[in-house]
């Protein structure tokens, strides 16, 4: 699967549907945590697994810092595409 911003947002949307989380205003600025998607640790692990299954790697298990926003997830894959 190609890692375009659209495909990544679609996968996050699919995850939200599976997790019974409604998020009509999903954008790059959306927080993954408290005031945004309100992910808990299990949901973060599930999203991480979905991203790794689709793209071979994920921003939750690589690097020293966890992604805070959808933009952080998109930037991780943008960096992977240009590296």
C-alpha atoms as a PDB file:
ATOM      1  CA  UNK A   1       0.000   0.000   0.000  1.00  0.00           C
ATOM      2  CA  UNK A   2       1.341   3.441  -0.858  1.00  0.00           C
ATOM      3  CA  UNK A   3       1.917   5.875   1.943  1.00  0.00           C
ATOM      4  CA  UNK A   4       0.092   8.950   0.749  1.00  0.00           C
ATOM      5  CA  UNK A   5      -1.493  11.327   3.240  1.00  0.00           C
ATOM      6  CA  UNK A   6      -4.885  10.294   1.902  1.00  0.00           C
ATOM      7  CA  UNK A   7      -4.231   6.563   2.394  1.00  0.00           C
ATOM      8  CA  UNK A   8      -2.900   7.155   5.917  1.00  0.00           C
ATOM      9  CA  UNK A   9      -5.929   9.266   6.854  1.00  0.00           C
ATOM     10  CA  UNK A  10      -8.195   6.575   5.378  1.00  0.00           C
ATOM     11  CA  UNK A  11      -6.484   3.916   7.510  1.00  0.00           C
ATOM     12  CA  UNK A  12      -6.821   6.064  10.643  1.00  0.00           C
ATOM     13  CA  UNK A  13     -10.491   6.551   9.755  1.00  0.00           C
ATOM     14  CA  UNK A  14     -10.893   2.782   9.383  1.00  0.00           C
ATOM     15  CA  UNK A  15      -9.313   2.319  12.800  1.00  0.00           C
ATOM     16  CA  UNK A  16     -11.675   4.875  14.328  1.00  0.00           C
ATOM     17  CA  UNK A  17     -14.650   3.035  12.841  1.00  0.00           C
ATOM     18  CA  UNK A  18     -13.413  -0.287  14.260  1.00  0.00           C
ATOM     19  CA  UNK A  19     -12.851   1.353  17.647  1.00  0.00           C
ATOM     20  CA  UNK A  20     -16.357   2.885  17.559  1.00  0.00           C
ATOM     21  CA  UNK A  21     -14.927   6.385  17.704  1.00  0.00           C
ATOM     22  CA  UNK A  22     -16.666   9.006  15.629  1.00  0.00           C
ATOM     23  CA  UNK A  23     -14.390  11.718  14.311  1.00  0.00           C
ATOM     24  CA  UNK A  24     -15.898  13.644  11.415  1.00  0.00           C
ATOM     25  CA  UNK A  25     -13.370  16.476  11.644  1.00  0.00           C
ATOM     26  CA  UNK A  26     -10.206  14.369  11.412  1.00  0.00           C
ATOM     27  CA  UNK A  27      -7.373  16.583  10.201  1.00  0.00           C
ATOM     28  CA  UNK A  28      -3.620  16.838  10.522  1.00  0.00           C
ATOM     29  CA  UNK A  29      -4.027  19.066  13.579  1.00  0.00           C
ATOM     30  CA  UNK A  30      -6.157  16.509  15.445  1.00  0.00           C
ATOM     31  CA  UNK A  31      -4.508  15.334  18.651  1.00  0.00           C
ATOM     32  CA  UNK A  32      -4.194  11.585  19.095  1.00  0.00           C
ATOM     33  CA  UNK A  33      -4.753  11.907  22.810  1.00  0.00           C
ATOM     34  CA  UNK A  34      -6.881  13.940  25.259  1.00  0.00           C
ATOM     35  CA  UNK A  35      -8.669  16.681  23.341  1.00  0.00           C
ATOM     36  CA  UNK A  36      -8.591  14.868  20.027  1.00  0.00           C
ATOM     37  CA  UNK A  37      -9.104  11.196  19.309  1.00  0.00           C
ATOM     38  CA  UNK A  38      -8.789  10.357  23.008  1.00  0.00           C
ATOM     39  CA  UNK A  39      -6.765   7.206  22.353  1.00  0.00           C
ATOM     40  CA  UNK A  40      -5.883   5.077  25.340  1.00  0.00           C
ATOM     41  CA  UNK A  41      -2.805   2.860  25.399  1.00  0.00           C
ATOM     42  CA  UNK A  42      -4.624  -0.180  23.981  1.00  0.00           C
ATOM     43  CA  UNK A  43      -6.104   1.849  21.126  1.00  0.00           C
ATOM     44  CA  UNK A  44      -2.678   3.348  20.377  1.00  0.00           C
ATOM     45  CA  UNK A  45      -1.268  -0.187  20.196  1.00  0.00           C
ATOM     46  CA  UNK A  46      -4.083  -1.267  17.867  1.00  0.00           C
ATOM     47  CA  UNK A  47      -3.530   1.735  15.586  1.00  0.00           C
ATOM     48  CA  UNK A  48       0.202   1.044  15.675  1.00  0.00           C
ATOM     49  CA  UNK A  49      -0.412  -2.557  14.572  1.00  0.00           C
ATOM     50  CA  UNK A  50      -2.714  -1.464  11.738  1.00  0.00           C
ATOM     51  CA  UNK A  51      -0.133   1.040  10.488  1.00  0.00           C
ATOM     52  CA  UNK A  52       2.662  -1.529  10.683  1.00  0.00           C
ATOM     53  CA  UNK A  53       0.578  -4.146   8.866  1.00  0.00           C
ATOM     54  CA  UNK A  54      -0.210  -1.670   6.089  1.00  0.00           C
ATOM     55  CA  UNK A  55       3.147   0.092   5.744  1.00  0.00           C
ATOM     56  CA  UNK A  56       5.776  -2.152   7.339  1.00  0.00           C
ATOM     57  CA  UNK A  57       6.632   0.302  10.120  1.00  0.00           C
ATOM     58  CA  UNK A  58       4.864   2.695  12.448  1.00  0.00           C
ATOM     59  CA  UNK A  59       5.640   5.917  14.301  1.00  0.00           C
ATOM     60  CA  UNK A  60       4.644   4.500  17.685  1.00  0.00           C
ATOM     61  CA  UNK A  61       7.467   1.959  17.879  1.00  0.00           C
ATOM     62  CA  UNK A  62      10.266   3.866  16.145  1.00  0.00           C
ATOM     63  CA  UNK A  63      12.091   6.774  17.687  1.00  0.00           C
ATOM     64  CA  UNK A  64      12.273   8.301  21.109  1.00  0.00           C
ATOM     65  CA  UNK A  65       9.012  10.242  21.095  1.00  0.00           C
ATOM     66  CA  UNK A  66       5.420   9.214  20.569  1.00  0.00           C
ATOM     67  CA  UNK A  67       3.407  11.028  17.921  1.00  0.00           C
ATOM     68  CA  UNK A  68       1.105  13.645  19.435  1.00  0.00           C
ATOM     69  CA  UNK A  69      -1.029  14.568  16.409  1.00  0.00           C
ATOM     70  CA  UNK A  70      -2.192  13.110  13.130  1.00  0.00           C
ATOM     71  CA  UNK A  71       0.375  15.465  11.526  1.00  0.00           C
ATOM     72  CA  UNK A  72       3.140  13.629  13.408  1.00  0.00           C
ATOM     73  CA  UNK A  73       1.960  10.335  11.912  1.00  0.00           C
ATOM     74  CA  UNK A  74       1.809  11.855   8.419  1.00  0.00           C
ATOM     75  CA  UNK A  75       5.278  13.420   8.842  1.00  0.00           C
ATOM     76  CA  UNK A  76       6.729  10.068   9.908  1.00  0.00           C
ATOM     77  CA  UNK A  77       5.619   8.440   6.670  1.00  0.00           C
ATOM     78  CA  UNK A  78       6.578  11.480   4.578  1.00  0.00           C
ATOM     79  CA  UNK A  79      10.075  11.194   6.009  1.00  0.00           C
ATOM     80  CA  UNK A  80      10.133   7.464   5.267  1.00  0.00           C
ATOM     81  CA  UNK A  81       9.120   8.089   1.642  1.00  0.00           C
ATOM     82  CA  UNK A  82      11.827  10.677   1.042  1.00  0.00           C
ATOM     83  CA  UNK A  83      14.607   8.799   2.881  1.00  0.00           C
END
